[in-house]
Protein backbone atom coordinates (compact mmCIF):
# COMPACT_ATOMS: atom_id res chain seq x y z
CA UNK A 1 19.55 -7.86 -32.28
CA UNK A 2 17.43 -10.54 -33.46
CA UNK A 3 13.55 -10.43 -32.57
CA UNK A 4 11.68 -12.74 -30.84
CA UNK A 5 8.06 -13.39 -31.66
CA UNK A 6 5.39 -13.48 -28.84
CA UNK A 7 1.98 -14.42 -29.37
CA UNK A 8 -0.58 -12.81 -27.05
CA UNK A 9 -4.49 -13.77 -27.01
CA UNK A 10 -7.02 -10.67 -26.15
CA UNK A 11 -10.88 -10.39 -25.93
CA UNK A 12 -12.23 -8.50 -28.91
CA UNK A 13 -13.01 -5.61 -27.11
CA UNK A 14 -9.44 -5.01 -25.66
CA UNK A 15 -8.01 -6.23 -29.25
CA UNK A 16 -9.75 -3.29 -30.70
CA UNK A 17 -9.20 -0.57 -28.32
CA UNK A 18 -5.43 -1.53 -28.38
CA UNK A 19 -5.62 -1.01 -31.86
CA UNK A 20 -7.64 2.51 -31.76
CA UNK A 21 -4.85 3.51 -29.27
CA UNK A 22 -1.74 2.41 -31.42
CA UNK A 23 -3.24 4.01 -34.58
CA UNK A 24 -3.49 7.42 -32.34
CA UNK A 25 -0.38 7.01 -31.16
CA UNK A 26 1.02 6.56 -35.06
CA UNK A 27 2.50 3.37 -34.14
CA UNK A 28 1.66 0.04 -35.05
CA UNK A 29 0.32 -2.80 -32.53
CA UNK A 30 3.13 -4.31 -32.24
CA UNK A 31 5.44 -1.32 -31.27
CA UNK A 32 2.71 0.17 -29.53
CA UNK A 33 2.74 -2.90 -27.18
CA UNK A 34 6.00 -3.13 -26.75
CA UNK A 35 6.17 0.67 -25.70
CA UNK A 36 3.78 0.29 -23.09
CA UNK A 37 5.31 -3.25 -21.92
CA UNK A 38 8.84 -1.80 -21.44
CA UNK A 39 7.51 1.63 -20.01
CA UNK A 40 5.87 -0.65 -17.34
CA UNK A 41 8.96 -2.44 -16.89
CA UNK A 42 10.94 0.67 -16.40
CA UNK A 43 8.26 2.15 -13.96
CA UNK A 44 8.36 -1.25 -12.07
CA UNK A 45 12.33 -1.71 -11.89
CA UNK A 46 12.38 2.17 -10.50
CA UNK A 47 9.61 1.10 -8.13
CA UNK A 48 11.57 -1.74 -6.70
CA UNK A 49 14.89 0.05 -6.79
CA UNK A 50 13.14 2.87 -4.51
CA UNK A 51 11.86 0.46 -2.19
CA UNK A 52 14.85 -2.01 -1.81
CA UNK A 53 16.18 -0.88 1.42
CA UNK A 54 12.74 -0.90 3.01
CA UNK A 55 12.02 -4.64 1.95
CA UNK A 56 15.46 -5.23 3.25
CA UNK A 57 14.53 -3.61 6.94
CA UNK A 58 11.32 -5.27 6.44
CA UNK A 59 12.73 -8.78 5.99
CA UNK A 60 15.32 -8.29 8.38
CA UNK A 61 12.74 -7.31 11.10
CA UNK A 62 10.65 -10.45 10.31
CA UNK A 63 13.61 -12.55 10.69
CA UNK A 64 14.33 -11.12 14.03
CA UNK A 65 10.89 -11.31 15.02
CA UNK A 66 10.67 -15.21 14.51
CA UNK A 67 13.01 -15.70 17.21
CA UNK A 68 11.05 -13.67 19.73
CA UNK A 69 8.37 -15.55 22.16
CA UNK A 70 4.81 -14.97 21.64
CA UNK A 71 3.03 -12.17 23.26
CA UNK A 72 1.53 -13.15 26.65
CA UNK A 73 -2.25 -13.17 27.02
CA UNK A 74 -3.59 -9.71 28.03
CA UNK A 75 -4.21 -9.10 31.50
CA UNK A 76 -7.88 -8.86 32.56
CA UNK A 77 -9.31 -5.22 32.84
CA UNK A 78 -9.62 -3.74 35.87
CA UNK A 79 -12.63 -2.07 36.83
CA UNK A 80 -12.62 1.44 37.90
CA UNK A 81 -13.67 2.99 40.70
CA UNK A 82 -16.70 5.65 40.64
CA UNK A 83 -14.06 8.39 41.41
CA UNK A 84 -11.36 7.29 38.99
CA UNK A 85 -14.51 7.38 36.40
CA UNK A 86 -15.15 11.00 36.79
CA UNK A 87 -11.67 11.81 37.01
CA UNK A 88 -11.21 10.02 33.53
CA UNK A 89 -14.45 11.69 32.09
CA UNK A 90 -13.32 15.25 33.19
CA UNK A 91 -9.75 14.63 31.63
CA UNK A 92 -11.25 13.45 28.47
CA UNK A 93 -13.58 16.82 29.02
CA UNK A 94 -10.64 19.11 29.29
CA UNK A 95 -8.37 17.46 26.51
CA UNK A 96 -11.88 17.98 23.91
CA UNK A 97 -12.00 21.52 25.04
CA UNK A 98 -15.26 20.91 26.98
CA UNK A 99 -13.92 21.77 30.54
CA UNK A 100 -14.38 24.26 33.13
CA UNK A 101 -14.32 27.57 31.16
CA UNK A 102 -14.55 26.10 27.64
CA UNK A 103 -17.84 27.11 25.77
CA UNK A 104 -19.81 23.49 24.82
């Protein structure tokens, strides 16, 4: 298979770190960068494949949502009566375990 040359530019500190890591891996810089890039490509492809159905579902839902009417404005809040407010507070205390017969 014919090889293609790709030229990249790195900051000096990046270049030195790549060279050091390549040496530790027992590779030349070119082989190290190819290995790193192909590994990243494989991970990215696997992730894309794993979520292809989810992505398709999202796209279908977004297309369907485009045809829906805009949400109506929310109705103004209704003030509770004093009795309703006490009932809500009592229910919340019960839910939180602070109702009658529960230790505070």
